[in-house]
Amino acid sequence: MKERLLALRPILLRVIGYPLFFFFFFFVFLYATFPWDRLREAIVAAAEAPRMSPSGRATPSNMELAIGSLSPTFFPGVEARDVRVTLLPQRSTDRPVSMSIDKLRLHISLFALLAQRASLSFSMLGMGGSVEGSASIALGTPATPRISPLRAFEVTLDNVRLGQVAPLVSMVGLPLGGNLSGTITVNIPDGDVALTEGTMRLTTDRLTVGDGRAQFQIPHFGGVTIEQIRAGRLEANADIRRGVVQFTRVGAHSEEFDLQIDGRINLRPNFADSALNLGLRFRLTDVYRAKSEQAGRIMSVMDMAPDLRRARRPDGLFAFRCSGTFERSISCPPDASASAPTPGAAMPPGFSP
């Protein structure tokens, strides 16, 4: 038997070994000589191109992307360095908001590709911290009103500077401070968004809002410079059940500031089309009023601004009801239905009086 194998070795080498040798070095050659600079330019062009909605309406991306370098990593993967994302203002009173990523690595599983699925893992260093995660995407599955190509998603954040998360800063409209950590997990069986399950557990330590220079635009009143607010520790917990994100605990409390958010987000295959309905309640305390002359002026303005006067409840909280989609404008009118709690009643979860 051994002699027969020895006799067949030259034949096996020619039939199997040489082709494998050729294909291995052929793919290594292609991988090493791939035009990464052209791919970098294509990624930038795709990111900045107008977005097409399911209805066929084109909307500007309002984003600028810069990638310092793009290169291969351990096969198969890619590494981007010195990435800068800038969200452009959509109103004349807004300012551009940028975030910088020192290094971003992306790997893809070849075995998953055989099953018509892209299994991705990624890691990022930047914004003062690190982000790691994974995603599973079904290939050849276009998004429909019910089905999403995304099958699973998981991300872990560790000490990311909140003020460098551009979408959050743009949404709030003021500089933010604090370190963001936590996890988000999402599972979408067969891509059916109506069956989505998952959790979100995020915390921000030493949250601050404003910097004493930036102005906040109050509707029907104008811009007001906000003295920095020390908001304490922010907890944001949510459960995802059957395609609905239900916020179970979102709140912050400090001697200067109180905040509570509740409500839900109905998910859609295109996340930008997801509909939100959130209740927002906050107040600044007398400690903040006495913090500085500028802080005192802000409190006086809040007593005069029409929308804020309509939103004030008997207990001093300002209540708003926010609704809309991420793609279109989100409106937050005063919530006249948000009555103050009765004396002695327990506060809702996530809020400390």
Protein backbone atom coordinates (compact mmCIF):
# COMPACT_ATOMS: atom_id res chain seq x y z
CA MET A 1 0.00 0.00 0.00
CA LYS A 2 2.82 2.33 0.91
CA GLU A 3 4.59 1.58 -2.34
CA ARG A 4 1.44 2.38 -4.33
CA LEU A 5 1.07 5.75 -2.58
CA LEU A 6 4.69 6.55 -3.29
CA ALA A 7 4.14 5.69 -6.93
CA LEU A 8 1.05 7.93 -7.09
CA ARG A 9 2.72 10.90 -5.39
CA PRO A 10 4.13 12.45 -8.59
CA ILE A 11 0.74 12.14 -10.26
CA LEU A 12 -1.11 13.67 -7.29
CA LEU A 13 1.43 16.46 -7.18
CA ARG A 14 0.81 17.33 -10.82
CA VAL A 15 -2.98 16.94 -10.69
CA ILE A 16 -3.69 18.57 -7.31
CA GLY A 17 -0.59 20.22 -5.89
CA TYR A 18 0.43 22.38 -8.82
CA PRO A 19 -3.07 23.82 -9.45
CA LEU A 20 -3.47 24.61 -5.75
CA PHE A 21 -0.04 26.22 -5.71
CA PHE A 22 -0.94 28.32 -8.76
CA PHE A 23 -4.32 29.47 -7.47
CA PHE A 24 -2.92 30.30 -4.02
CA PHE A 25 -0.23 32.59 -5.33
CA PHE A 26 -2.55 33.96 -8.03
CA PHE A 27 -5.04 35.15 -5.40
CA VAL A 28 -2.27 36.42 -3.14
CA PHE A 29 -0.91 38.40 -6.09
CA LEU A 30 -4.34 39.88 -6.88
CA TYR A 31 -4.90 40.70 -3.21
CA ALA A 32 -1.55 42.43 -2.83
CA THR A 33 -1.75 44.35 -6.11
CA PHE A 34 -5.42 45.32 -5.85
CA PRO A 35 -6.00 49.02 -6.71
CA TRP A 36 -6.84 50.05 -3.14
CA ASP A 37 -6.59 53.76 -3.95
CA ARG A 38 -9.31 53.42 -6.57
CA LEU A 39 -11.45 51.48 -4.11
CA ARG A 40 -10.96 54.28 -1.57
CA GLU A 41 -12.16 56.83 -4.13
CA ALA A 42 -15.18 54.66 -4.96
CA ILE A 43 -16.13 54.36 -1.27
CA VAL A 44 -15.91 58.13 -0.81
CA ALA A 45 -18.01 58.76 -3.93
CA ALA A 46 -20.68 56.27 -2.82
CA ALA A 47 -20.85 57.77 0.68
CA GLU A 48 -21.27 61.32 -0.60
CA ALA A 49 -23.71 60.46 -3.41
CA PRO A 50 -27.40 61.41 -3.03
CA ARG A 51 -29.59 58.80 -1.35
CA MET A 52 -32.51 57.24 -3.20
CA SER A 53 -35.61 56.58 -1.13
CA PRO A 54 -37.94 53.64 -1.91
CA SER A 55 -40.27 56.16 -3.54
CA GLY A 56 -37.49 57.15 -5.96
CA ARG A 57 -36.83 60.56 -4.40
CA ALA A 58 -33.18 61.63 -4.29
CA THR A 59 -31.96 63.39 -1.16
CA PRO A 60 -28.45 64.77 -0.55
CA SER A 61 -26.22 62.77 1.77
CA ASN A 62 -25.21 65.92 3.69
CA MET A 63 -21.94 64.14 4.44
CA GLU A 64 -18.27 64.45 3.55
CA LEU A 65 -15.93 61.47 3.89
CA ALA A 66 -12.13 61.48 3.86
CA ILE A 67 -9.97 58.33 4.07
CA GLY A 68 -6.23 58.79 4.58
CA SER A 69 -5.24 55.32 3.37
CA LEU A 70 -6.79 51.97 2.48
CA SER A 71 -4.76 48.75 2.57
CA PRO A 72 -5.19 44.96 2.86
CA THR A 73 -4.99 43.07 6.15
CA PHE A 74 -4.86 39.33 6.87
CA PHE A 75 -6.72 37.69 3.99
CA PRO A 76 -9.45 38.63 3.46
CA GLY A 77 -9.77 42.03 5.07
CA VAL A 78 -9.18 45.72 4.67
CA GLU A 79 -7.86 48.46 6.93
CA ALA A 80 -8.65 52.17 6.68
CA ARG A 81 -6.64 54.81 8.52
CA ASP A 82 -7.23 58.48 9.28
CA VAL A 83 -10.94 58.41 8.46
CA ARG A 84 -12.88 61.63 8.94
CA VAL A 85 -16.67 61.90 8.61
CA THR A 86 -18.28 65.36 8.50
CA LEU A 87 -22.03 65.87 8.72
CA LEU A 88 -22.94 69.05 6.89
CA PRO A 89 -25.50 71.47 8.36
CA GLN A 90 -29.01 71.30 6.95
CA ARG A 91 -29.97 74.71 8.34
CA SER A 92 -28.13 78.02 8.20
CA THR A 93 -27.97 78.15 11.99
CA ASP A 94 -26.32 74.71 12.32
CA ARG A 95 -22.61 73.93 12.27
CA PRO A 96 -20.71 71.06 10.62
CA VAL A 97 -20.03 68.16 12.99
CA SER A 98 -17.07 65.82 12.46
CA MET A 99 -15.77 62.58 13.92
CA SER A 100 -12.32 61.06 13.41
CA ILE A 101 -11.38 57.37 13.29
CA ASP A 102 -7.70 56.50 13.62
CA LYS A 103 -7.96 52.92 12.40
CA LEU A 104 -10.83 50.79 11.09
CA ARG A 105 -10.45 47.09 10.26
CA LEU A 106 -12.98 44.93 8.44
CA HIS A 107 -12.80 41.16 7.90
CA ILE A 108 -15.15 38.91 5.96
CA SER A 109 -15.63 35.14 6.24
CA LEU A 110 -15.03 33.21 3.02
CA PHE A 111 -17.06 30.22 4.24
CA ALA A 112 -20.13 32.42 4.79
CA LEU A 113 -19.86 33.66 1.20
CA LEU A 114 -20.39 30.08 0.00
CA ALA A 115 -23.81 30.23 1.69
CA GLN A 116 -24.68 33.54 -0.01
CA ARG A 117 -24.13 35.46 3.22
CA ALA A 118 -21.61 38.13 4.19
CA SER A 119 -20.36 37.56 7.72
CA LEU A 120 -18.41 40.64 8.77
CA SER A 121 -16.37 41.50 11.83
CA PHE A 122 -14.98 44.95 12.47
CA SER A 123 -12.90 46.86 14.99
CA MET A 124 -12.27 50.56 15.31
CA LEU A 125 -9.90 52.78 17.26
CA GLY A 126 -10.84 56.42 17.43
CA MET A 127 -13.07 59.02 19.05
CA GLY A 128 -11.10 58.47 22.24
CA GLY A 129 -12.10 54.81 22.62
CA SER A 130 -12.74 51.58 20.75
CA VAL A 131 -15.62 49.85 18.98
CA GLU A 132 -15.90 46.17 18.05
CA GLY A 133 -18.70 44.28 16.42
CA SER A 134 -20.03 41.90 13.81
CA ALA A 135 -22.80 41.74 11.25
CA SER A 136 -24.44 39.13 9.04
CA ILE A 137 -25.95 40.19 5.70
CA ALA A 138 -27.83 38.05 3.18
CA LEU A 139 -26.46 38.62 -0.31
CA GLY A 140 -28.79 39.10 -3.24
CA THR A 141 -31.68 40.09 -0.95
CA PRO A 142 -32.91 43.61 -1.78
CA ALA A 143 -34.74 45.55 0.91
CA THR A 144 -38.53 45.44 0.67
CA PRO A 145 -41.22 47.08 2.85
CA ARG A 146 -40.84 44.10 5.21
CA ILE A 147 -37.59 42.21 4.50
CA SER A 148 -34.09 43.52 5.25
CA PRO A 149 -30.79 42.04 3.99
CA LEU A 150 -29.42 42.41 7.53
CA ARG A 151 -29.74 39.24 9.62
CA ALA A 152 -27.79 40.05 12.80
CA PHE A 153 -25.77 42.89 14.26
CA GLU A 154 -23.74 43.31 17.43
CA VAL A 155 -21.55 46.19 18.58
CA THR A 156 -19.62 46.93 21.77
CA LEU A 157 -18.46 50.45 22.63
CA ASP A 158 -15.75 51.20 25.18
CA ASN A 159 -15.09 54.75 26.45
CA VAL A 160 -16.04 56.49 23.21
CA ARG A 161 -16.13 60.26 23.57
CA LEU A 162 -19.75 61.26 23.15
CA GLY A 163 -18.79 64.63 21.72
CA GLN A 164 -17.12 62.90 18.77
CA VAL A 165 -20.16 60.81 17.79
CA ALA A 166 -21.26 63.17 15.04
CA PRO A 167 -24.87 61.93 14.55
CA LEU A 168 -25.67 62.43 18.25
CA VAL A 169 -24.10 65.89 18.38
CA SER A 170 -25.98 66.87 15.22
CA MET A 171 -29.27 65.59 16.68
CA VAL A 172 -28.87 67.44 19.99
CA GLY A 173 -27.56 70.63 18.41
CA LEU A 174 -25.00 71.35 21.16
CA PRO A 175 -21.48 70.13 22.03
CA LEU A 176 -21.56 67.02 24.21
CA GLY A 177 -19.08 65.55 26.67
CA GLY A 178 -18.72 62.24 28.47
CA ASN A 179 -17.59 58.68 27.78
CA LEU A 180 -20.01 56.27 26.10
CA SER A 181 -19.85 52.51 26.74
CA GLY A 182 -22.19 49.57 26.29
CA THR A 183 -23.55 46.98 23.87
CA ILE A 184 -26.24 46.71 21.20
CA THR A 185 -27.42 43.34 19.86
CA VAL A 186 -29.97 42.83 17.08
CA ASN A 187 -31.29 39.61 15.54
CA ILE A 188 -33.58 39.66 12.48
CA PRO A 189 -34.87 36.14 11.68
CA ASP A 190 -34.93 35.62 7.89
CA GLY A 191 -34.67 39.40 7.51
CA ASP A 192 -38.26 39.92 8.65
CA VAL A 193 -38.06 43.27 10.45
CA ALA A 194 -41.39 42.62 12.18
CA LEU A 195 -39.67 39.77 14.08
CA THR A 196 -36.61 41.73 15.17
CA GLU A 197 -35.35 40.99 18.69
CA GLY A 198 -32.50 42.56 20.63
CA THR A 199 -31.27 44.75 23.46
CA MET A 200 -29.50 48.05 24.00
CA ARG A 201 -27.53 48.81 27.17
CA LEU A 202 -25.60 52.08 27.03
CA THR A 203 -24.17 54.38 29.69
CA THR A 204 -22.47 57.76 29.49
CA ASP A 205 -20.37 58.86 32.44
CA ARG A 206 -19.89 62.55 33.29
CA LEU A 207 -22.31 63.75 30.62
CA THR A 208 -22.09 67.46 29.78
CA VAL A 209 -24.24 69.52 27.41
CA GLY A 210 -23.04 72.81 25.90
CA ASP A 211 -19.69 74.53 26.25
CA GLY A 212 -20.55 78.12 27.15
CA ARG A 213 -20.01 79.30 23.56
CA ALA A 214 -22.32 77.34 21.23
CA GLN A 215 -25.85 78.60 20.74
CA PHE A 216 -29.01 76.51 20.87
CA GLN A 217 -31.84 77.55 18.57
CA ILE A 218 -35.13 77.85 20.46
CA PRO A 219 -38.11 77.78 18.04
CA HIS A 220 -39.91 81.12 17.69
CA PHE A 221 -37.30 82.80 19.87
CA GLY A 222 -33.76 82.58 18.49
CA GLY A 223 -30.31 81.43 19.48
CA VAL A 224 -29.25 81.22 23.13
CA THR A 225 -25.72 80.55 24.38
CA ILE A 226 -25.83 77.59 26.76
CA GLU A 227 -23.63 77.54 29.84
CA GLN A 228 -22.25 74.03 30.20
CA ILE A 229 -24.69 71.68 31.95
CA ARG A 230 -23.23 68.90 34.11
CA ALA A 231 -25.85 66.19 33.65
CA GLY A 232 -24.23 63.31 35.57
CA ARG A 233 -24.57 59.71 34.44
CA LEU A 234 -26.90 58.90 31.54
CA GLU A 235 -28.37 55.41 31.21
CA ALA A 236 -30.06 54.34 27.99
CA ASN A 237 -31.66 50.88 28.07
CA ALA A 238 -34.06 49.47 25.50
CA ASP A 239 -35.54 46.11 24.54
CA ILE A 240 -36.40 45.20 20.96
CA ARG A 241 -39.43 42.95 20.60
CA ARG A 242 -41.14 42.04 17.32
CA GLY A 243 -39.71 44.98 15.42
CA VAL A 244 -40.31 47.63 18.07
CA VAL A 245 -37.62 49.34 20.13
CA GLN A 246 -39.15 50.03 23.55
CA PHE A 247 -37.11 52.33 25.79
CA THR A 248 -37.26 50.87 29.29
CA ARG A 249 -34.92 53.28 31.05
CA VAL A 250 -33.41 56.46 29.64
CA GLY A 251 -32.54 59.09 32.17
CA ALA A 252 -29.92 61.29 33.79
CA HIS A 253 -29.87 63.09 37.12
CA SER A 254 -27.50 65.59 38.69
CA GLU A 255 -27.71 68.61 40.95
CA GLU A 256 -27.99 70.78 37.81
CA PHE A 257 -30.17 68.75 35.46
CA ASP A 258 -32.90 66.09 35.25
CA LEU A 259 -33.79 64.15 32.11
CA GLN A 260 -36.16 61.33 31.19
CA ILE A 261 -37.01 59.86 27.80
CA ASP A 262 -39.55 57.14 27.07
CA GLY A 263 -41.34 55.83 24.01
CA ARG A 264 -40.72 53.55 21.07
CA ILE A 265 -39.29 53.23 17.57
CA ASN A 266 -41.04 51.11 14.94
CA LEU A 267 -38.25 49.62 12.85
CA ARG A 268 -38.25 49.49 9.05
CA PRO A 269 -35.89 47.67 6.62
CA ASN A 270 -34.41 51.06 5.75
CA PHE A 271 -33.57 52.34 9.24
CA ALA A 272 -33.94 55.96 8.10
CA ASP A 273 -37.66 55.25 7.53
CA SER A 274 -38.18 53.97 11.09
CA ALA A 275 -40.91 55.92 12.89
CA LEU A 276 -40.24 57.18 16.40
CA ASN A 277 -42.60 58.42 19.08
CA LEU A 278 -40.73 59.64 22.14
CA GLY A 279 -41.63 61.57 25.26
CA LEU A 280 -38.94 63.99 26.44
CA ARG A 281 -38.94 65.64 29.86
CA PHE A 282 -36.19 67.74 31.43
CA ARG A 283 -35.50 70.60 33.80
CA LEU A 284 -32.63 72.78 34.97
CA THR A 285 -32.34 73.23 38.73
CA ASP A 286 -31.75 76.23 40.97
CA VAL A 287 -28.16 75.03 41.39
CA TYR A 288 -27.66 75.60 37.68
CA ARG A 289 -29.39 79.00 37.88
CA ALA A 290 -26.89 80.13 40.52
CA LYS A 291 -23.92 78.71 38.60
CA SER A 292 -23.19 81.91 36.66
CA GLU A 293 -24.78 85.04 35.29
CA GLN A 294 -25.08 83.38 31.89
CA ALA A 295 -26.87 80.38 33.40
CA GLY A 296 -29.31 82.73 35.13
CA ARG A 297 -30.07 84.44 31.81
CA ILE A 298 -30.78 81.06 30.22
CA MET A 299 -33.33 80.29 32.94
CA SER A 300 -34.97 83.67 32.33
CA VAL A 301 -35.15 82.97 28.59
CA MET A 302 -36.81 79.63 29.32
CA ASP A 303 -39.49 81.50 31.24
CA MET A 304 -40.17 83.77 28.23
CA ALA A 305 -39.88 81.50 25.15
CA PRO A 306 -43.44 80.68 23.94
CA ASP A 307 -42.83 76.98 23.20
CA LEU A 308 -41.08 76.42 26.51
CA ARG A 309 -43.83 78.19 28.43
CA ARG A 310 -46.41 75.88 26.83
CA ALA A 311 -44.26 72.85 27.64
CA ARG A 312 -43.74 73.64 31.34
CA ARG A 313 -45.62 71.40 33.75
CA PRO A 314 -46.68 72.37 37.28
CA ASP A 315 -43.73 70.42 38.71
CA GLY A 316 -41.23 72.49 36.68
CA LEU A 317 -40.45 69.86 34.07
CA PHE A 318 -40.55 70.76 30.37
CA ALA A 319 -42.38 68.06 28.38
CA PHE A 320 -42.22 67.46 24.63
CA ARG A 321 -43.52 64.74 22.31
CA CYS A 322 -41.10 63.93 19.45
CA SER A 323 -42.30 62.10 16.35
CA GLY A 324 -41.20 61.54 12.77
CA THR A 325 -38.59 59.49 10.91
CA PHE A 326 -34.82 59.76 10.79
CA GLU A 327 -34.87 60.49 7.07
CA ARG A 328 -37.38 63.30 7.37
CA SER A 329 -37.54 66.01 9.99
CA ILE A 330 -38.36 65.07 13.58
CA SER A 331 -40.72 67.52 15.28
CA CYS A 332 -40.90 67.98 19.06
CA PRO A 333 -43.91 70.16 19.95
CA PRO A 334 -44.85 70.82 23.58
CA ASP A 335 -46.64 67.82 25.07
CA ALA A 336 -49.80 69.23 26.58
CA SER A 337 -50.95 65.73 27.54
CA ALA A 338 -47.94 65.12 29.81
CA SER A 339 -49.50 65.90 33.15
CA ALA A 340 -47.39 66.29 36.26
CA PRO A 341 -47.32 63.40 38.73
CA THR A 342 -49.53 63.68 41.75
CA PRO A 343 -47.84 64.47 45.06
CA GLY A 344 -46.35 61.34 46.59
CA ALA A 345 -46.61 59.33 43.37
CA ALA A 346 -43.63 57.24 42.27
CA MET A 347 -41.57 58.64 39.42
CA PRO A 348 -41.40 56.57 36.22
CA PRO A 349 -38.44 54.17 35.85
CA GLY A 350 -35.19 55.88 34.94
CA PHE A 351 -35.97 59.24 36.55
CA SER A 352 -34.83 60.58 39.88
CA PRO A 353 -36.59 63.65 41.23
